[in-house]
């Protein structure tokens, strides 16, 4: 009896995990992979193709960047006024003072330079069309790089 319950539970979880991998767009009944997370409502002109990015493991002191794609999903122009990071180690770049026409694409490039070892999670706030905001998140895990490129060879003085 217990074995039947365990098998039924495992099968249910396996079936549910496959269902959770797809995000269904009810307007045209097409499925999208879960990695593409379109974050927009019908009234919101700023559409992000993704709101977060995981760099995974990165070396300490080596800058990394990721490009976030932005689409004007509205019927009027879209103007990104500021893109502000939560700390100085995160640097966002975007086309400043540009008004995007409806349907036009642009990008926000977010750079990160890790000074400290360990996991990180940083937030970037995008302000657009006056006072509307969205948040982007970057995260990862920083591993400490060696102080020297190779250990010193104590026997080097014996070579002639």
C-alpha atoms as a PDB file:
ATOM      1  CA  UNK A   1       0.000   0.000   0.000  1.00  0.00           C
ATOM      2  CA  UNK A   2       2.788   2.424   0.933  1.00  0.00           C
ATOM      3  CA  UNK A   3       4.688   1.522  -2.237  1.00  0.00           C
ATOM      4  CA  UNK A   4       1.627   2.329  -4.392  1.00  0.00           C
ATOM      5  CA  UNK A   5       1.286   5.704  -2.668  1.00  0.00           C
ATOM      6  CA  UNK A   6       4.980   6.514  -3.197  1.00  0.00           C
ATOM      7  CA  UNK A   7       4.846   5.501  -6.871  1.00  0.00           C
ATOM      8  CA  UNK A   8       1.656   7.543  -7.455  1.00  0.00           C
ATOM      9  CA  UNK A   9       3.163  10.590  -5.722  1.00  0.00           C
ATOM     10  CA  UNK A  10       6.407  10.327  -7.698  1.00  0.00           C
ATOM     11  CA  UNK A  11       4.500  10.001 -10.987  1.00  0.00           C
ATOM     12  CA  UNK A  12       2.343  13.024 -10.120  1.00  0.00           C
ATOM     13  CA  UNK A  13       5.374  15.167  -9.290  1.00  0.00           C
ATOM     14  CA  UNK A  14       7.137  14.037 -12.490  1.00  0.00           C
ATOM     15  CA  UNK A  15       4.074  14.942 -14.577  1.00  0.00           C
ATOM     16  CA  UNK A  16       3.701  18.291 -12.834  1.00  0.00           C
ATOM     17  CA  UNK A  17       7.377  19.171 -13.372  1.00  0.00           C
ATOM     18  CA  UNK A  18       6.936  18.802 -17.149  1.00  0.00           C
ATOM     19  CA  UNK A  19       3.880  21.044 -17.068  1.00  0.00           C
ATOM     20  CA  UNK A  20       5.746  23.724 -15.087  1.00  0.00           C
ATOM     21  CA  UNK A  21       8.439  23.994 -17.765  1.00  0.00           C
ATOM     22  CA  UNK A  22       6.092  25.775 -20.160  1.00  0.00           C
ATOM     23  CA  UNK A  23       4.526  29.200 -19.902  1.00  0.00           C
ATOM     24  CA  UNK A  24       1.356  29.411 -21.991  1.00  0.00           C
ATOM     25  CA  UNK A  25       0.440  32.592 -23.840  1.00  0.00           C
ATOM     26  CA  UNK A  26      -3.367  32.603 -23.833  1.00  0.00           C
ATOM     27  CA  UNK A  27      -3.647  35.173 -26.626  1.00  0.00           C
ATOM     28  CA  UNK A  28      -2.312  32.894 -29.352  1.00  0.00           C
ATOM     29  CA  UNK A  29      -2.083  29.535 -27.531  1.00  0.00           C
ATOM     30  CA  UNK A  30       1.665  29.115 -28.131  1.00  0.00           C
ATOM     31  CA  UNK A  31       3.966  27.692 -25.474  1.00  0.00           C
ATOM     32  CA  UNK A  32       7.171  29.428 -24.490  1.00  0.00           C
ATOM     33  CA  UNK A  33      10.132  27.920 -22.630  1.00  0.00           C
ATOM     34  CA  UNK A  34      10.271  28.889 -18.969  1.00  0.00           C
ATOM     35  CA  UNK A  35      13.646  30.595 -19.492  1.00  0.00           C
ATOM     36  CA  UNK A  36      11.971  33.360 -21.491  1.00  0.00           C
ATOM     37  CA  UNK A  37      10.054  35.286 -18.886  1.00  0.00           C
ATOM     38  CA  UNK A  38       8.064  38.054 -20.554  1.00  0.00           C
ATOM     39  CA  UNK A  39       7.241  40.543 -17.851  1.00  0.00           C
ATOM     40  CA  UNK A  40       4.610  42.918 -19.104  1.00  0.00           C
ATOM     41  CA  UNK A  41       0.976  43.659 -18.638  1.00  0.00           C
ATOM     42  CA  UNK A  42      -1.225  45.005 -21.415  1.00  0.00           C
ATOM     43  CA  UNK A  43      -1.092  48.529 -19.921  1.00  0.00           C
ATOM     44  CA  UNK A  44       2.666  48.523 -19.319  1.00  0.00           C
ATOM     45  CA  UNK A  45       4.767  49.762 -22.237  1.00  0.00           C
ATOM     46  CA  UNK A  46       8.104  48.353 -20.979  1.00  0.00           C
ATOM     47  CA  UNK A  47       8.455  44.648 -21.762  1.00  0.00           C
ATOM     48  CA  UNK A  48      11.550  42.821 -20.490  1.00  0.00           C
ATOM     49  CA  UNK A  49      12.399  39.516 -22.135  1.00  0.00           C
ATOM     50  CA  UNK A  50      13.843  38.474 -18.750  1.00  0.00           C
ATOM     51  CA  UNK A  51      13.915  40.148 -15.348  1.00  0.00           C
ATOM     52  CA  UNK A  52      16.855  38.252 -13.866  1.00  0.00           C
ATOM     53  CA  UNK A  53      20.104  36.611 -14.899  1.00  0.00           C
ATOM     54  CA  UNK A  54      22.303  34.113 -13.087  1.00  0.00           C
ATOM     55  CA  UNK A  55      26.004  34.433 -13.992  1.00  0.00           C
ATOM     56  CA  UNK A  56      26.754  31.143 -12.225  1.00  0.00           C
ATOM     57  CA  UNK A  57      30.321  30.861 -10.910  1.00  0.00           C
ATOM     58  CA  UNK A  58      32.538  33.811 -11.838  1.00  0.00           C
ATOM     59  CA  UNK A  59      36.154  34.638 -10.895  1.00  0.00           C
ATOM     60  CA  UNK A  60      36.818  37.399  -8.385  1.00  0.00           C
ATOM     61  CA  UNK A  61      37.956  40.696  -9.937  1.00  0.00           C
ATOM     62  CA  UNK A  62      36.976  39.763 -13.520  1.00  0.00           C
ATOM     63  CA  UNK A  63      34.092  41.931 -14.820  1.00  0.00           C
ATOM     64  CA  UNK A  64      31.105  40.187 -16.421  1.00  0.00           C
ATOM     65  CA  UNK A  65      28.164  41.639 -18.372  1.00  0.00           C
ATOM     66  CA  UNK A  66      24.699  40.609 -19.471  1.00  0.00           C
ATOM     67  CA  UNK A  67      22.385  42.302 -21.969  1.00  0.00           C
ATOM     68  CA  UNK A  68      18.697  42.611 -21.093  1.00  0.00           C
ATOM     69  CA  UNK A  69      16.391  43.161 -24.078  1.00  0.00           C
ATOM     70  CA  UNK A  70      13.641  45.782 -23.720  1.00  0.00           C
ATOM     71  CA  UNK A  71      10.682  46.177 -26.090  1.00  0.00           C
ATOM     72  CA  UNK A  72       8.174  49.051 -26.164  1.00  0.00           C
ATOM     73  CA  UNK A  73       4.940  47.118 -25.808  1.00  0.00           C
ATOM     74  CA  UNK A  74       2.774  50.248 -25.626  1.00  0.00           C
ATOM     75  CA  UNK A  75       1.053  52.475 -28.149  1.00  0.00           C
ATOM     76  CA  UNK A  76       3.030  55.620 -27.191  1.00  0.00           C
ATOM     77  CA  UNK A  77       6.749  56.275 -26.961  1.00  0.00           C
ATOM     78  CA  UNK A  78       8.799  54.771 -24.154  1.00  0.00           C
ATOM     79  CA  UNK A  79      11.602  56.693 -22.470  1.00  0.00           C
ATOM     80  CA  UNK A  80      13.917  55.052 -19.960  1.00  0.00           C
ATOM     81  CA  UNK A  81      15.010  57.924 -17.740  1.00  0.00           C
ATOM     82  CA  UNK A  82      17.274  56.133 -15.250  1.00  0.00           C
ATOM     83  CA  UNK A  83      18.707  52.703 -14.621  1.00  0.00           C
ATOM     84  CA  UNK A  84      20.110  52.593 -11.108  1.00  0.00           C
ATOM     85  CA  UNK A  85      22.073  49.779  -9.467  1.00  0.00           C
ATOM     86  CA  UNK A  86      21.919  48.910  -5.783  1.00  0.00           C
ATOM     87  CA  UNK A  87      25.717  49.180  -5.415  1.00  0.00           C
ATOM     88  CA  UNK A  88      28.817  50.581  -7.099  1.00  0.00           C
ATOM     89  CA  UNK A  89      30.050  47.173  -8.296  1.00  0.00           C
ATOM     90  CA  UNK A  90      27.094  46.982 -10.707  1.00  0.00           C
ATOM     91  CA  UNK A  91      27.114  49.279 -13.736  1.00  0.00           C
ATOM     92  CA  UNK A  92      24.100  49.593 -16.045  1.00  0.00           C
ATOM     93  CA  UNK A  93      24.340  51.144 -19.516  1.00  0.00           C
ATOM     94  CA  UNK A  94      21.420  52.130 -21.773  1.00  0.00           C
ATOM     95  CA  UNK A  95      20.547  54.584 -24.534  1.00  0.00           C
ATOM     96  CA  UNK A  96      19.894  57.705 -22.504  1.00  0.00           C
ATOM     97  CA  UNK A  97      17.565  60.475 -23.743  1.00  0.00           C
ATOM     98  CA  UNK A  98      16.096  58.210 -26.407  1.00  0.00           C
ATOM     99  CA  UNK A  99      12.359  57.763 -26.926  1.00  0.00           C
ATOM    100  CA  UNK A 100      11.478  54.313 -28.247  1.00  0.00           C
ATOM    101  CA  UNK A 101       8.665  54.079 -30.745  1.00  0.00           C
ATOM    102  CA  UNK A 102       5.973  51.417 -30.197  1.00  0.00           C
ATOM    103  CA  UNK A 103       7.390  47.969 -31.005  1.00  0.00           C
ATOM    104  CA  UNK A 104      10.988  49.234 -31.008  1.00  0.00           C
ATOM    105  CA  UNK A 105      13.692  47.269 -29.164  1.00  0.00           C
ATOM    106  CA  UNK A 106      16.597  48.496 -27.074  1.00  0.00           C
ATOM    107  CA  UNK A 107      18.965  46.970 -24.544  1.00  0.00           C
ATOM    108  CA  UNK A 108      20.193  47.523 -21.021  1.00  0.00           C
ATOM    109  CA  UNK A 109      23.711  46.183 -20.469  1.00  0.00           C
ATOM    110  CA  UNK A 110      24.487  45.359 -16.846  1.00  0.00           C
ATOM    111  CA  UNK A 111      28.093  44.893 -15.786  1.00  0.00           C
ATOM    112  CA  UNK A 112      29.270  43.420 -12.500  1.00  0.00           C
ATOM    113  CA  UNK A 113      32.789  43.412 -11.041  1.00  0.00           C
ATOM    114  CA  UNK A 114      33.057  41.180  -8.004  1.00  0.00           C
ATOM    115  CA  UNK A 115      35.408  42.316  -5.263  1.00  0.00           C
ATOM    116  CA  UNK A 116      34.220  39.888  -2.576  1.00  0.00           C
ATOM    117  CA  UNK A 117      34.133  36.106  -2.616  1.00  0.00           C
ATOM    118  CA  UNK A 118      30.809  34.257  -2.213  1.00  0.00           C
ATOM    119  CA  UNK A 119      27.235  34.412  -3.517  1.00  0.00           C
ATOM    120  CA  UNK A 120      25.759  37.727  -4.647  1.00  0.00           C
ATOM    121  CA  UNK A 121      22.391  39.129  -5.670  1.00  0.00           C
ATOM    122  CA  UNK A 122      22.142  42.686  -6.998  1.00  0.00           C
ATOM    123  CA  UNK A 123      19.117  44.742  -7.968  1.00  0.00           C
ATOM    124  CA  UNK A 124      18.825  47.256 -10.803  1.00  0.00           C
ATOM    125  CA  UNK A 125      15.832  49.627 -10.890  1.00  0.00           C
ATOM    126  CA  UNK A 126      14.632  50.843 -14.296  1.00  0.00           C
ATOM    127  CA  UNK A 127      12.614  54.086 -14.195  1.00  0.00           C
ATOM    128  CA  UNK A 128      10.661  54.941 -17.343  1.00  0.00           C
ATOM    129  CA  UNK A 129       7.894  57.232 -18.641  1.00  0.00           C
ATOM    130  CA  UNK A 130       8.061  59.502 -15.641  1.00  0.00           C
ATOM    131  CA  UNK A 131       7.719  57.462 -12.472  1.00  0.00           C
ATOM    132  CA  UNK A 132       7.042  53.867 -13.599  1.00  0.00           C
ATOM    133  CA  UNK A 133       9.618  51.316 -12.401  1.00  0.00           C
ATOM    134  CA  UNK A 134      10.686  47.715 -12.945  1.00  0.00           C
ATOM    135  CA  UNK A 135      13.406  45.758 -11.232  1.00  0.00           C
ATOM    136  CA  UNK A 136      16.103  43.565 -12.788  1.00  0.00           C
ATOM    137  CA  UNK A 137      18.141  41.115 -10.703  1.00  0.00           C
ATOM    138  CA  UNK A 138      21.569  39.642 -11.334  1.00  0.00           C
ATOM    139  CA  UNK A 139      23.074  36.925  -9.192  1.00  0.00           C
ATOM    140  CA  UNK A 140      25.884  34.425  -9.082  1.00  0.00           C
ATOM    141  CA  UNK A 141      28.686  33.014  -7.005  1.00  0.00           C
ATOM    142  CA  UNK A 142      32.186  34.518  -6.934  1.00  0.00           C
ATOM    143  CA  UNK A 143      35.175  32.242  -6.459  1.00  0.00           C
ATOM    144  CA  UNK A 144      38.469  33.578  -5.177  1.00  0.00           C
ATOM    145  CA  UNK A 145      41.232  33.755  -7.766  1.00  0.00           C
ATOM    146  CA  UNK A 146      44.786  32.743  -6.842  1.00  0.00           C
ATOM    147  CA  UNK A 147      47.174  35.499  -5.724  1.00  0.00           C
ATOM    148  CA  UNK A 148      49.847  34.382  -8.215  1.00  0.00           C
ATOM    149  CA  UNK A 149      49.519  32.612 -11.524  1.00  0.00           C
ATOM    150  CA  UNK A 150      51.476  29.571 -10.293  1.00  0.00           C
ATOM    151  CA  UNK A 151      53.099  28.504  -7.058  1.00  0.00           C
ATOM    152  CA  UNK A 152      56.753  29.409  -6.655  1.00  0.00           C
ATOM    153  CA  UNK A 153      59.220  26.643  -7.406  1.00  0.00           C
ATOM    154  CA  UNK A 154      61.734  26.428  -4.548  1.00  0.00           C
ATOM    155  CA  UNK A 155      64.047  24.246  -6.658  1.00  0.00           C
ATOM    156  CA  UNK A 156      64.392  26.939  -9.338  1.00  0.00           C
ATOM    157  CA  UNK A 157      67.663  28.174  -7.776  1.00  0.00           C
ATOM    158  CA  UNK A 158      69.196  24.705  -8.316  1.00  0.00           C
ATOM    159  CA  UNK A 159      68.812  24.912 -12.084  1.00  0.00           C
ATOM    160  CA  UNK A 160      71.885  25.964 -14.089  1.00  0.00           C
END
